Amino acid sequence: MKNIAILLVCFTFIGANAQKITKKFLVGKWTSKSNEIEFRIDNNKEFKIVDYSTLTKNYLKVVGYQFNKGFFYLSTLHESNNWEAIGKFIYIDEDTIVVDYVSNAPGQAIFKRVYDTGKE
């Protein structure tokens, strides 16, 4: 119930923020209760995405992605059970995004940006 309330508050501010999601904004590591996604731009200026399920301990295959009208869409495949998902990434603030998934297990996930604390 708490997550539903958080999502409602988040969606309320979407229109006010109207922030566009870009490659530069996404670069870094993001975590939710069930996934870790890392976005990076390599030396050849290629946009790379690594999506890892912390629930199943498997990497998801990135099928494709698209930036469209300020949103980011990510298509993935969980090969062990052949589940395909399309996630629509929605900007909340500099450190928070909500992803609305259409898949065999539809739903939403709140991702937080992970900052390197420099711990060794």
PDB file of N, CA and C in Angstrom:
ATOM      1  N   MET A   1       0.821  -1.182   0.000  1.00  0.00           N
ATOM      2  CA  MET A   1       0.000   0.000   0.000  1.00  0.00           C
ATOM      3  C   MET A   1       0.875   1.259   0.000  1.00  0.00           C
ATOM      4  N   LYS A   2       1.979   1.183   0.728  1.00  0.00           N
ATOM      5  CA  LYS A   2       2.898   2.326   0.792  1.00  0.00           C
ATOM      6  C   LYS A   2       3.457   2.635  -0.585  1.00  0.00           C
ATOM      7  N   ASN A   3       3.811   1.576  -1.358  1.00  0.00           N
ATOM      8  CA  ASN A   3       4.348   1.777  -2.705  1.00  0.00           C
ATOM      9  C   ASN A   3       3.322   2.433  -3.624  1.00  0.00           C
ATOM     10  N   ILE A   4       2.049   2.069  -3.480  1.00  0.00           N
ATOM     11  CA  ILE A   4       1.003   2.672  -4.307  1.00  0.00           C
ATOM     12  C   ILE A   4       0.892   4.158  -4.005  1.00  0.00           C
ATOM     13  N   ALA A   5       0.951   4.504  -2.737  1.00  0.00           N
ATOM     14  CA  ALA A   5       0.884   5.920  -2.360  1.00  0.00           C
ATOM     15  C   ALA A   5       2.078   6.692  -2.921  1.00  0.00           C
ATOM     16  N   ILE A   6       3.249   6.084  -2.863  1.00  0.00           N
ATOM     17  CA  ILE A   6       4.455   6.734  -3.401  1.00  0.00           C
ATOM     18  C   ILE A   6       4.306   6.934  -4.908  1.00  0.00           C
ATOM     19  N   LEU A   7       3.805   5.909  -5.607  1.00  0.00           N
ATOM     20  CA  LEU A   7       3.635   6.026  -7.051  1.00  0.00           C
ATOM     21  C   LEU A   7       2.635   7.119  -7.412  1.00  0.00           C
ATOM     22  N   LEU A   8       1.547   7.217  -6.662  1.00  0.00           N
ATOM     23  CA  LEU A   8       0.563   8.265  -6.929  1.00  0.00           C
ATOM     24  C   LEU A   8       1.171   9.648  -6.759  1.00  0.00           C
ATOM     25  N   VAL A   9       1.955   9.823  -5.706  1.00  0.00           N
ATOM     26  CA  VAL A   9       2.621  11.108  -5.489  1.00  0.00           C
ATOM     27  C   VAL A   9       3.605  11.381  -6.623  1.00  0.00           C
ATOM     28  N   CYS A  10       4.350  10.351  -7.023  1.00  0.00           N
ATOM     29  CA  CYS A  10       5.326  10.509  -8.106  1.00  0.00           C
ATOM     30  C   CYS A  10       4.643  10.920  -9.403  1.00  0.00           C
ATOM     31  N   PHE A  11       3.546  10.249  -9.757  1.00  0.00           N
ATOM     32  CA  PHE A  11       2.859  10.565 -11.007  1.00  0.00           C
ATOM     33  C   PHE A  11       2.229  11.952 -10.977  1.00  0.00           C
ATOM     34  N   THR A  12       1.888  12.434  -9.801  1.00  0.00           N
ATOM     35  CA  THR A  12       1.332  13.771  -9.670  1.00  0.00           C
ATOM     36  C   THR A  12       2.345  14.822 -10.094  1.00  0.00           C
ATOM     37  N   PHE A  13       3.610  14.582  -9.801  1.00  0.00           N
ATOM     38  CA  PHE A  13       4.655  15.556 -10.108  1.00  0.00           C
ATOM     39  C   PHE A  13       5.246  15.407 -11.503  1.00  0.00           C
ATOM     40  N   ILE A  14       4.856  14.395 -12.227  1.00  0.00           N
ATOM     41  CA  ILE A  14       5.419  14.172 -13.558  1.00  0.00           C
ATOM     42  C   ILE A  14       5.150  15.362 -14.472  1.00  0.00           C
ATOM     43  N   GLY A  15       3.930  15.803 -14.515  1.00  0.00           N
ATOM     44  CA  GLY A  15       3.575  16.924 -15.371  1.00  0.00           C
ATOM     45  C   GLY A  15       4.309  18.187 -14.978  1.00  0.00           C
ATOM     46  N   ALA A  16       4.481  18.405 -13.691  1.00  0.00           N
ATOM     47  CA  ALA A  16       5.169  19.612 -13.222  1.00  0.00           C
ATOM     48  C   ALA A  16       6.653  19.567 -13.570  1.00  0.00           C
ATOM     49  N   ASN A  17       7.257  18.398 -13.472  1.00  0.00           N
ATOM     50  CA  ASN A  17       8.686  18.286 -13.755  1.00  0.00           C
ATOM     51  C   ASN A  17       8.977  18.350 -15.249  1.00  0.00           C
ATOM     52  N   ALA A  18       8.231  17.603 -16.039  1.00  0.00           N
ATOM     53  CA  ALA A  18       8.388  17.557 -17.488  1.00  0.00           C
ATOM     54  C   ALA A  18       9.850  17.415 -17.925  1.00  0.00           C
ATOM     55  N   GLN A  19      10.642  16.758 -17.132  1.00  0.00           N
ATOM     56  CA  GLN A  19      12.052  16.530 -17.452  1.00  0.00           C
ATOM     57  C   GLN A  19      12.154  15.431 -18.498  1.00  0.00           C
ATOM     58  N   LYS A  20      12.989  15.651 -19.482  1.00  0.00           N
ATOM     59  CA  LYS A  20      13.227  14.636 -20.495  1.00  0.00           C
ATOM     60  C   LYS A  20      14.350  13.725 -20.029  1.00  0.00           C
ATOM     61  N   ILE A  21      14.176  12.447 -20.273  1.00  0.00           N
ATOM     62  CA  ILE A  21      15.220  11.479 -19.938  1.00  0.00           C
ATOM     63  C   ILE A  21      16.159  11.380 -21.132  1.00  0.00           C
ATOM     64  N   THR A  22      17.445  11.564 -20.874  1.00  0.00           N
ATOM     65  CA  THR A  22      18.479  11.514 -21.908  1.00  0.00           C
ATOM     66  C   THR A  22      19.523  10.473 -21.527  1.00  0.00           C
ATOM     67  N   LYS A  23      20.399  10.161 -22.474  1.00  0.00           N
ATOM     68  CA  LYS A  23      21.504   9.242 -22.183  1.00  0.00           C
ATOM     69  C   LYS A  23      22.348   9.790 -21.041  1.00  0.00           C
ATOM     70  N   LYS A  24      22.663  11.063 -21.116  1.00  0.00           N
ATOM     71  CA  LYS A  24      23.505  11.688 -20.091  1.00  0.00           C
ATOM     72  C   LYS A  24      22.866  11.574 -18.703  1.00  0.00           C
ATOM     73  N   PHE A  25      21.558  11.780 -18.620  1.00  0.00           N
ATOM     74  CA  PHE A  25      20.861  11.668 -17.344  1.00  0.00           C
ATOM     75  C   PHE A  25      20.934  10.239 -16.797  1.00  0.00           C
ATOM     76  N   LEU A  26      20.756   9.248 -17.661  1.00  0.00           N
ATOM     77  CA  LEU A  26      20.697   7.855 -17.215  1.00  0.00           C
ATOM     78  C   LEU A  26      22.048   7.275 -16.806  1.00  0.00           C
ATOM     79  N   VAL A  27      23.138   7.795 -17.339  1.00  0.00           N
ATOM     80  CA  VAL A  27      24.456   7.196 -17.094  1.00  0.00           C
ATOM     81  C   VAL A  27      24.689   7.007 -15.595  1.00  0.00           C
ATOM     82  N   GLY A  28      25.061   5.772 -15.237  1.00  0.00           N
ATOM     83  CA  GLY A  28      25.305   5.405 -13.849  1.00  0.00           C
ATOM     84  C   GLY A  28      24.547   4.140 -13.496  1.00  0.00           C
ATOM     85  N   LYS A  29      24.499   3.854 -12.215  1.00  0.00           N
ATOM     86  CA  LYS A  29      23.837   2.643 -11.726  1.00  0.00           C
ATOM     87  C   LYS A  29      22.543   3.026 -11.015  1.00  0.00           C
ATOM     88  N   TRP A  30      21.495   2.271 -11.276  1.00  0.00           N
ATOM     89  CA  TRP A  30      20.177   2.482 -10.678  1.00  0.00           C
ATOM     90  C   TRP A  30      19.708   1.162 -10.065  1.00  0.00           C
ATOM     91  N   THR A  31      19.065   1.228  -8.897  1.00  0.00           N
ATOM     92  CA  THR A  31      18.575   0.006  -8.255  1.00  0.00           C
ATOM     93  C   THR A  31      17.118   0.148  -7.828  1.00  0.00           C
ATOM     94  N   SER A  32      16.440  -0.997  -7.874  1.00  0.00           N
ATOM     95  CA  SER A  32      15.081  -1.111  -7.337  1.00  0.00           C
ATOM     96  C   SER A  32      15.072  -2.323  -6.417  1.00  0.00           C
ATOM     97  N   LYS A  33      13.904  -2.723  -5.960  1.00  0.00           N
ATOM     98  CA  LYS A  33      13.816  -3.897  -5.089  1.00  0.00           C
ATOM     99  C   LYS A  33      14.190  -5.181  -5.825  1.00  0.00           C
ATOM    100  N   SER A  34      14.066  -5.184  -7.153  1.00  0.00           N
ATOM    101  CA  SER A  34      14.282  -6.434  -7.886  1.00  0.00           C
ATOM    102  C   SER A  34      15.314  -6.352  -9.007  1.00  0.00           C
ATOM    103  N   ASN A  35      15.804  -5.172  -9.333  1.00  0.00           N
ATOM    104  CA  ASN A  35      16.737  -5.030 -10.453  1.00  0.00           C
ATOM    105  C   ASN A  35      17.831  -4.021 -10.170  1.00  0.00           C
ATOM    106  N   GLU A  36      18.925  -4.208 -10.887  1.00  0.00           N
ATOM    107  CA  GLU A  36      19.995  -3.220 -10.951  1.00  0.00           C
ATOM    108  C   GLU A  36      20.246  -2.976 -12.435  1.00  0.00           C
ATOM    109  N   ILE A  37      20.219  -1.713 -12.833  1.00  0.00           N
ATOM    110  CA  ILE A  37      20.481  -1.366 -14.216  1.00  0.00           C
ATOM    111  C   ILE A  37      21.649  -0.395 -14.248  1.00  0.00           C
ATOM    112  N   GLU A  38      22.616  -0.702 -15.109  1.00  0.00           N
ATOM    113  CA  GLU A  38      23.742   0.205 -15.280  1.00  0.00           C
ATOM    114  C   GLU A  38      23.753   0.710 -16.716  1.00  0.00           C
ATOM    115  N   PHE A  39      23.824   2.033 -16.844  1.00  0.00           N
ATOM    116  CA  PHE A  39      23.907   2.693 -18.140  1.00  0.00           C
ATOM    117  C   PHE A  39      25.283   3.323 -18.239  1.00  0.00           C
ATOM    118  N   ARG A  40      25.932   3.160 -19.391  1.00  0.00           N
ATOM    119  CA  ARG A  40      27.229   3.806 -19.582  1.00  0.00           C
ATOM    120  C   ARG A  40      27.430   4.109 -21.054  1.00  0.00           C
ATOM    121  N   ILE A  41      28.351   5.008 -21.305  1.00  0.00           N
ATOM    122  CA  ILE A  41      28.752   5.338 -22.662  1.00  0.00           C
ATOM    123  C   ILE A  41      30.214   4.931 -22.777  1.00  0.00           C
ATOM    124  N   ASP A  42      30.505   3.988 -23.688  1.00  0.00           N
ATOM    125  CA  ASP A  42      31.871   3.469 -23.785  1.00  0.00           C
ATOM    126  C   ASP A  42      32.763   4.422 -24.590  1.00  0.00           C
ATOM    127  N   ASN A  43      34.004   4.019 -24.784  1.00  0.00           N
ATOM    128  CA  ASN A  43      34.989   4.852 -25.486  1.00  0.00           C
ATOM    129  C   ASN A  43      34.592   5.173 -26.922  1.00  0.00           C
ATOM    130  N   ASN A  44      33.805   4.314 -27.530  1.00  0.00           N
ATOM    131  CA  ASN A  44      33.344   4.536 -28.902  1.00  0.00           C
ATOM    132  C   ASN A  44      32.025   5.315 -28.946  1.00  0.00           C
ATOM    133  N   LYS A  45      31.643   5.874 -27.791  1.00  0.00           N
ATOM    134  CA  LYS A  45      30.409   6.653 -27.632  1.00  0.00           C
ATOM    135  C   LYS A  45      29.153   5.824 -27.847  1.00  0.00           C
ATOM    136  N   GLU A  46      29.288   4.505 -27.651  1.00  0.00           N
ATOM    137  CA  GLU A  46      28.140   3.600 -27.736  1.00  0.00           C
ATOM    138  C   GLU A  46      27.435   3.580 -26.377  1.00  0.00           C
ATOM    139  N   PHE A  47      26.110   3.608 -26.395  1.00  0.00           N
ATOM    140  CA  PHE A  47      25.307   3.550 -25.181  1.00  0.00           C
ATOM    141  C   PHE A  47      25.135   2.087 -24.800  1.00  0.00           C
ATOM    142  N   LYS A  48      25.584   1.710 -23.607  1.00  0.00           N
ATOM    143  CA  LYS A  48      25.535   0.321 -23.144  1.00  0.00           C
ATOM    144  C   LYS A  48      24.616   0.207 -21.938  1.00  0.00           C
ATOM    145  N   ILE A  49      23.878  -0.900 -21.887  1.00  0.00           N
ATOM    146  CA  ILE A  49      22.931  -1.140 -20.800  1.00  0.00           C
ATOM    147  C   ILE A  49      23.145  -2.550 -20.271  1.00  0.00           C
ATOM    148  N   VAL A  50      23.291  -2.674 -18.950  1.00  0.00           N
ATOM    149  CA  VAL A  50      23.377  -3.977 -18.294  1.00  0.00           C
ATOM    150  C   VAL A  50      22.247  -4.025 -17.273  1.00  0.00           C
ATOM    151  N   ASP A  51      21.349  -5.006 -17.430  1.00  0.00           N
ATOM    152  CA  ASP A  51      20.181  -5.151 -16.557  1.00  0.00           C
ATOM    153  C   ASP A  51      20.302  -6.489 -15.827  1.00  0.00           C
ATOM    154  N   TYR A  52      20.265  -6.446 -14.502  1.00  0.00           N
ATOM    155  CA  TYR A  52      20.466  -7.637 -13.673  1.00  0.00           C
ATOM    156  C   TYR A  52      19.295  -7.794 -12.710  1.00  0.00           C
ATOM    157  N   SER A  53      18.716  -8.973 -12.675  1.00  0.00           N
ATOM    158  CA  SER A  53      17.631  -9.272 -11.740  1.00  0.00           C
ATOM    159  C   SER A  53      18.218  -9.771 -10.426  1.00  0.00           C
ATOM    160  N   THR A  54      17.993  -9.023  -9.358  1.00  0.00           N
ATOM    161  CA  THR A  54      18.467  -9.455  -8.050  1.00  0.00           C
ATOM    162  C   THR A  54      17.566 -10.549  -7.470  1.00  0.00           C
ATOM    163  N   LEU A  55      16.373 -10.720  -8.043  1.00  0.00           N
ATOM    164  CA  LEU A  55      15.478 -11.792  -7.589  1.00  0.00           C
ATOM    165  C   LEU A  55      15.918 -13.150  -8.123  1.00  0.00           C
ATOM    166  N   THR A  56      16.210 -13.221  -9.420  1.00  0.00           N
ATOM    167  CA  THR A  56      16.557 -14.498 -10.036  1.00  0.00           C
ATOM    168  C   THR A  56      18.061 -14.706 -10.178  1.00  0.00           C
ATOM    169  N   LYS A  57      18.827 -13.643  -9.890  1.00  0.00           N
ATOM    170  CA  LYS A  57      20.295 -13.691 -10.021  1.00  0.00           C
ATOM    171  C   LYS A  57      20.725 -13.949 -11.463  1.00  0.00           C
ATOM    172  N   ASN A  58      19.963 -13.401 -12.411  1.00  0.00           N
ATOM    173  CA  ASN A  58      20.258 -13.543 -13.835  1.00  0.00           C
ATOM    174  C   ASN A  58      20.329 -12.174 -14.498  1.00  0.00           C
ATOM    175  N   TYR A  59      21.158 -12.087 -15.533  1.00  0.00           N
ATOM    176  CA  TYR A  59      21.193 -10.895 -16.361  1.00  0.00           C
ATOM    177  C   TYR A  59      20.062 -10.985 -17.372  1.00  0.00           C
ATOM    178  N   LEU A  60      19.451  -9.871 -17.671  1.00  0.00           N
ATOM    179  CA  LEU A  60      18.414  -9.827 -18.682  1.00  0.00           C
ATOM    180  C   LEU A  60      19.046  -9.384 -19.996  1.00  0.00           C
ATOM    181  N   LYS A  61      18.602  -9.986 -21.068  1.00  0.00           N
ATOM    182  CA  LYS A  61      19.107  -9.626 -22.395  1.00  0.00           C
ATOM    183  C   LYS A  61      18.412  -8.340 -22.841  1.00  0.00           C
ATOM    184  N   VAL A  62      19.214  -7.348 -23.198  1.00  0.00           N
ATOM    185  CA  VAL A  62      18.651  -6.099 -23.705  1.00  0.00           C
ATOM    186  C   VAL A  62      18.327  -6.316 -25.180  1.00  0.00           C
ATOM    187  N   VAL A  63      17.031  -6.262 -25.496  1.00  0.00           N
ATOM    188  CA  VAL A  63      16.564  -6.486 -26.856  1.00  0.00           C
ATOM    189  C   VAL A  63      16.629  -5.188 -27.661  1.00  0.00           C
ATOM    190  N   GLY A  64      16.349  -4.070 -26.997  1.00  0.00           N
ATOM    191  CA  GLY A  64      16.396  -2.781 -27.675  1.00  0.00           C
ATOM    192  C   GLY A  64      16.023  -1.665 -26.726  1.00  0.00           C
ATOM    193  N   TYR A  65      16.219  -0.444 -27.190  1.00  0.00           N
ATOM    194  CA  TYR A  65      15.827   0.724 -26.405  1.00  0.00           C
ATOM    195  C   TYR A  65      15.489   1.865 -27.343  1.00  0.00           C
ATOM    196  N   GLN A  66      14.779   2.849 -26.794  1.00  0.00           N
ATOM    197  CA  GLN A  66      14.377   3.992 -27.604  1.00  0.00           C
ATOM    198  C   GLN A  66      14.115   5.195 -26.710  1.00  0.00           C
ATOM    199  N   PHE A  67      14.536   6.353 -27.174  1.00  0.00           N
ATOM    200  CA  PHE A  67      14.169   7.613 -26.542  1.00  0.00           C
ATOM    201  C   PHE A  67      13.059   8.208 -27.401  1.00  0.00           C
ATOM    202  N   ASN A  68      11.932   8.559 -26.760  1.00  0.00           N
ATOM    203  CA  ASN A  68      10.795   9.069 -27.518  1.00  0.00           C
ATOM    204  C   ASN A  68       9.986  10.034 -26.670  1.00  0.00           C
ATOM    205  N   LYS A  69       9.866  11.260 -27.138  1.00  0.00           N
ATOM    206  CA  LYS A  69       9.057  12.297 -26.485  1.00  0.00           C
ATOM    207  C   LYS A  69       9.421  12.483 -25.019  1.00  0.00           C
ATOM    208  N   GLY A  70      10.725  12.448 -24.710  1.00  0.00           N
ATOM    209  CA  GLY A  70      11.185  12.689 -23.350  1.00  0.00           C
ATOM    210  C   GLY A  70      11.177  11.480 -22.439  1.00  0.00           C
ATOM    211  N   PHE A  71      10.688  10.354 -22.939  1.00  0.00           N
ATOM    212  CA  PHE A  71      10.675   9.118 -22.165  1.00  0.00           C
ATOM    213  C   PHE A  71      11.726   8.170 -22.736  1.00  0.00           C
ATOM    214  N   PHE A  72      12.099   7.192 -21.930  1.00  0.00           N
ATOM    215  CA  PHE A  72      13.032   6.149 -22.355  1.00  0.00           C
ATOM    216  C   PHE A  72      12.302   4.826 -22.255  1.00  0.00           C
ATOM    217  N   TYR A  73      12.412   4.012 -23.299  1.00  0.00           N
ATOM    218  CA  TYR A  73      11.782   2.691 -23.330  1.00  0.00           C
ATOM    219  C   TYR A  73      12.875   1.638 -23.457  1.00  0.00           C
ATOM    220  N   LEU A  74      12.782   0.599 -22.642  1.00  0.00           N
ATOM    221  CA  LEU A  74      13.765  -0.475 -22.646  1.00  0.00           C
ATOM    222  C   LEU A  74      13.052  -1.810 -22.799  1.00  0.00           C
ATOM    223  N   SER A  75      13.472  -2.569 -23.806  1.00  0.00           N
ATOM    224  CA  SER A  75      12.912  -3.893 -24.044  1.00  0.00           C
ATOM    225  C   SER A  75      13.945  -4.933 -23.619  1.00  0.00           C
ATOM    226  N   THR A  76      13.537  -5.843 -22.727  1.00  0.00           N
ATOM    227  CA  THR A  76      14.447  -6.873 -22.229  1.00  0.00           C
ATOM    228  C   THR A  76      13.802  -8.254 -22.323  1.00  0.00           C
ATOM    229  N   LEU A  77      14.660  -9.262 -22.252  1.00  0.00           N
ATOM    230  CA  LEU A  77      14.206 -10.644 -22.263  1.00  0.00           C
ATOM    231  C   LEU A  77      14.883 -11.385 -21.128  1.00  0.00           C
ATOM    232  N   HIS A  78      14.078 -12.007 -20.281  1.00  0.00           N
ATOM    233  CA  HIS A  78      14.597 -12.868 -19.222  1.00  0.00           C
ATOM    234  C   HIS A  78      14.640 -14.262 -19.835  1.00  0.00           C
ATOM    235  N   GLU A  79      15.819 -14.654 -20.290  1.00  0.00           N
ATOM    236  CA  GLU A  79      15.944 -15.859 -21.103  1.00  0.00           C
ATOM    237  C   GLU A  79      15.583 -17.149 -20.375  1.00  0.00           C
ATOM    238  N   SER A  80      15.794 -17.212 -19.058  1.00  0.00           N
ATOM    239  CA  SER A  80      15.536 -18.467 -18.344  1.00  0.00           C
ATOM    240  C   SER A  80      14.052 -18.840 -18.336  1.00  0.00           C
ATOM    241  N   ASN A  81      13.161 -17.858 -18.416  1.00  0.00           N
ATOM    242  CA  ASN A  81      11.736 -18.182 -18.463  1.00  0.00           C
ATOM    243  C   ASN A  81      11.051 -17.599 -19.707  1.00  0.00           C
ATOM    244  N   ASN A  82      11.855 -17.033 -20.618  1.00  0.00           N
ATOM    245  CA  ASN A  82      11.367 -16.489 -21.878  1.00  0.00           C
ATOM    246  C   ASN A  82      10.342 -15.368 -21.689  1.00  0.00           C
ATOM    247  N   TRP A  83      10.525 -14.543 -20.664  1.00  0.00           N
ATOM    248  CA  TRP A  83       9.639 -13.403 -20.416  1.00  0.00           C
ATOM    249  C   TRP A  83      10.238 -12.156 -21.036  1.00  0.00           C
ATOM    250  N   GLU A  84       9.453 -11.519 -21.869  1.00  0.00           N
ATOM    251  CA  GLU A  84       9.867 -10.260 -22.461  1.00  0.00           C
ATOM    252  C   GLU A  84       9.151  -9.131 -21.730  1.00  0.00           C
ATOM    253  N   ALA A  85       9.860  -8.025 -21.558  1.00  0.00           N
ATOM    254  CA  ALA A  85       9.270  -6.867 -20.874  1.00  0.00           C
ATOM    255  C   ALA A  85       9.658  -5.590 -21.605  1.00  0.00           C
ATOM    256  N   ILE A  86       8.730  -4.652 -21.609  1.00  0.00           N
ATOM    257  CA  ILE A  86       9.011  -3.309 -22.101  1.00  0.00           C
ATOM    258  C   ILE A  86       8.757  -2.363 -20.944  1.00  0.00           C
ATOM    259  N   GLY A  87       9.786  -1.582 -20.616  1.00  0.00           N
ATOM    260  CA  GLY A  87       9.671  -0.633 -19.515  1.00  0.00           C
ATOM    261  C   GLY A  87       9.682   0.792 -20.027  1.00  0.00           C
ATOM    262  N   LYS A  88       8.734   1.590 -19.553  1.00  0.00           N
ATOM    263  CA  LYS A  88       8.696   3.023 -19.848  1.00  0.00           C
ATOM    264  C   LYS A  88       9.253   3.747 -18.631  1.00  0.00           C
ATOM    265  N   PHE A  89      10.370   4.448 -18.814  1.00  0.00           N
ATOM    266  CA  PHE A  89      11.056   5.136 -17.729  1.00  0.00           C
ATOM    267  C   PHE A  89      10.507   6.555 -17.615  1.00  0.00           C
ATOM    268  N   ILE A  90      10.122   6.917 -16.396  1.00  0.00           N
ATOM    269  CA  ILE A  90       9.505   8.217 -16.137  1.00  0.00           C
ATOM    270  C   ILE A  90      10.326   8.961 -15.102  1.00  0.00           C
ATOM    271  N   TYR A  91      10.723  10.173 -15.448  1.00  0.00           N
ATOM    272  CA  TYR A  91      11.532  11.027 -14.562  1.00  0.00           C
ATOM    273  C   TYR A  91      10.698  11.478 -13.365  1.00  0.00           C
ATOM    274  N   ILE A  92      11.269  11.337 -12.175  1.00  0.00           N
ATOM    275  CA  ILE A  92      10.657  11.869 -10.961  1.00  0.00           C
ATOM    276  C   ILE A  92      11.515  13.011 -10.430  1.00  0.00           C
ATOM    277  N   ASP A  93      12.793  12.715 -10.172  1.00  0.00           N
ATOM    278  CA  ASP A  93      13.761  13.756  -9.815  1.00  0.00           C
ATOM    279  C   ASP A  93      15.141  13.266 -10.236  1.00  0.00           C
ATOM    280  N   GLU A  94      16.181  14.019  -9.931  1.00  0.00           N
ATOM    281  CA  GLU A  94      17.537  13.679 -10.385  1.00  0.00           C
ATOM    282  C   GLU A  94      17.996  12.292  -9.937  1.00  0.00           C
ATOM    283  N   ASP A  95      17.425  11.784  -8.862  1.00  0.00           N
ATOM    284  CA  ASP A  95      17.876  10.507  -8.311  1.00  0.00           C
ATOM    285  C   ASP A  95      16.805   9.428  -8.308  1.00  0.00           C
ATOM    286  N   THR A  96      15.656   9.692  -8.928  1.00  0.00           N
ATOM    287  CA  THR A  96      14.542   8.750  -8.888  1.00  0.00           C
ATOM    288  C   THR A  96      13.851   8.669 -10.242  1.00  0.00           C
ATOM    289  N   ILE A  97      13.619   7.437 -10.690  1.00  0.00           N
ATOM    290  CA  ILE A  97      12.802   7.196 -11.868  1.00  0.00           C
ATOM    291  C   ILE A  97      11.820   6.076 -11.545  1.00  0.00           C
ATOM    292  N   VAL A  98      10.678   6.116 -12.182  1.00  0.00           N
ATOM    293  CA  VAL A  98       9.689   5.047 -12.071  1.00  0.00           C
ATOM    294  C   VAL A  98       9.643   4.363 -13.423  1.00  0.00           C
ATOM    295  N   VAL A  99       9.612   3.038 -13.391  1.00  0.00           N
ATOM    296  CA  VAL A  99       9.522   2.281 -14.636  1.00  0.00           C
ATOM    297  C   VAL A  99       8.192   1.524 -14.618  1.00  0.00           C
ATOM    298  N   ASP A 100       7.415   1.757 -15.660  1.00  0.00           N
ATOM    299  CA  ASP A 100       6.134   1.080 -15.826  1.00  0.00           C
ATOM    300  C   ASP A 100       6.354  -0.062 -16.815  1.00  0.00           C
ATOM    301  N   TYR A 101       6.207  -1.307 -16.338  1.00  0.00           N
ATOM    302  CA  TYR A 101       6.504  -2.483 -17.152  1.00  0.00           C
ATOM    303  C   TYR A 101       5.241  -3.098 -17.756  1.00  0.00           C
ATOM    304  N   VAL A 102       5.343  -3.444 -19.029  1.00  0.00           N
ATOM    305  CA  VAL A 102       4.354  -4.273 -19.707  1.00  0.00           C
ATOM    306  C   VAL A 102       5.067  -5.590 -19.966  1.00  0.00           C
ATOM    307  N   SER A 103       4.553  -6.677 -19.364  1.00  0.00           N
ATOM    308  CA  SER A 103       5.238  -7.969 -19.470  1.00  0.00           C
ATOM    309  C   SER A 103       4.333  -9.080 -18.963  1.00  0.00           C
ATOM    310  N   ASN A 104       4.915 -10.280 -18.800  1.00  0.00           N
ATOM    311  CA  ASN A 104       4.179 -11.387 -18.190  1.00  0.00           C
ATOM    312  C   ASN A 104       3.864 -11.096 -16.722  1.00  0.00           C
ATOM    313  N   ALA A 105       4.638 -10.196 -16.129  1.00  0.00           N
ATOM    314  CA  ALA A 105       4.408  -9.760 -14.748  1.00  0.00           C
ATOM    315  C   ALA A 105       4.402  -8.227 -14.737  1.00  0.00           C
ATOM    316  N   PRO A 106       3.308  -7.613 -15.223  1.00  0.00           N
ATOM    317  CA  PRO A 106       3.277  -6.156 -15.332  1.00  0.00           C
ATOM    318  C   PRO A 106       3.306  -5.474 -13.966  1.00  0.00           C
ATOM    319  N   GLY A 107       3.755  -4.239 -13.983  1.00  0.00           N
ATOM    320  CA  GLY A 107       3.793  -3.471 -12.734  1.00  0.00           C
ATOM    321  C   GLY A 107       4.735  -2.298 -12.851  1.00  0.00           C
ATOM    322  N   GLN A 108       5.002  -1.681 -11.719  1.00  0.00           N
ATOM    323  CA  GLN A 108       5.901  -0.545 -11.660  1.00  0.00           C
ATOM    324  C   GLN A 108       7.027  -0.824 -10.687  1.00  0.00           C
ATOM    325  N   ALA A 109       8.151  -0.153 -10.932  1.00  0.00           N
ATOM    326  CA  ALA A 109       9.292  -0.249 -10.026  1.00  0.00           C
ATOM    327  C   ALA A 109       9.868   1.151  -9.866  1.00  0.00           C
ATOM    328  N   ILE A 110      10.280   1.441  -8.652  1.00  0.00           N
ATOM    329  CA  ILE A 110      10.926   2.716  -8.349  1.00  0.00           C
ATOM    330  C   ILE A 110      12.424   2.466  -8.293  1.00  0.00           C
ATOM    331  N   PHE A 111      13.174   3.174  -9.122  1.00  0.00           N
ATOM    332  CA  PHE A 111      14.626   3.050  -9.160  1.00  0.00           C
ATOM    333  C   PHE A 111      15.269   4.293  -8.566  1.00  0.00           C
ATOM    334  N   LYS A 112      16.307   4.067  -7.789  1.00  0.00           N
ATOM    335  CA  LYS A 112      17.091   5.145  -7.188  1.00  0.00           C
ATOM    336  C   LYS A 112      18.495   5.096  -7.760  1.00  0.00           C
ATOM    337  N   ARG A 113      19.062   6.280  -7.973  1.00  0.00           N
ATOM    338  CA  ARG A 113      20.438   6.379  -8.465  1.00  0.00           C
ATOM    339  C   ARG A 113      21.390   5.943  -7.353  1.00  0.00           C
ATOM    340  N   VAL A 114      22.425   5.191  -7.725  1.00  0.00           N
ATOM    341  CA  VAL A 114      23.440   4.747  -6.775  1.00  0.00           C
ATOM    342  C   VAL A 114      24.665   5.626  -6.962  1.00  0.00           C
ATOM    343  N   TYR A 115      25.111   6.215  -5.882  1.00  0.00           N
ATOM    344  CA  TYR A 115      26.310   7.044  -5.931  1.00  0.00           C
ATOM    345  C   TYR A 115      27.477   6.256  -5.366  1.00  0.00           C
ATOM    346  N   ASP A 116      28.617   6.338  -6.023  1.00  0.00           N
ATOM    347  CA  ASP A 116      29.843   5.694  -5.544  1.00  0.00           C
ATOM    348  C   ASP A 116      30.319   6.471  -4.329  1.00  0.00           C
ATOM    349  N   THR A 117      30.358   5.819  -3.183  1.00  0.00           N
ATOM    350  CA  THR A 117      30.756   6.491  -1.949  1.00  0.00           C
ATOM    351  C   THR A 117      32.262   6.488  -1.758  1.00  0.00           C
ATOM    352  N   GLY A 118      32.975   5.835  -2.656  1.00  0.00           N
ATOM    353  CA  GLY A 118      34.425   5.800  -2.576  1.00  0.00           C
ATOM    354  C   GLY A 118      34.964   4.840  -1.518  1.00  0.00           C
ATOM    355  N   LYS A 119      34.100   3.953  -1.025  1.00  0.00           N
ATOM    356  CA  LYS A 119      34.557   2.968  -0.019  1.00  0.00           C
ATOM    357  C   LYS A 119      35.425   1.926  -0.693  1.00  0.00           C
ATOM    358  N   GLU A 120      36.446   1.515  -0.011  1.00  0.00           N
ATOM    359  CA  GLU A 120      37.345   0.498  -0.554  1.00  0.00           C
ATOM    360  C   GLU A 120      37.149  -0.819   0.147  1.00  0.00           C
TER     361      GLU A 120
END
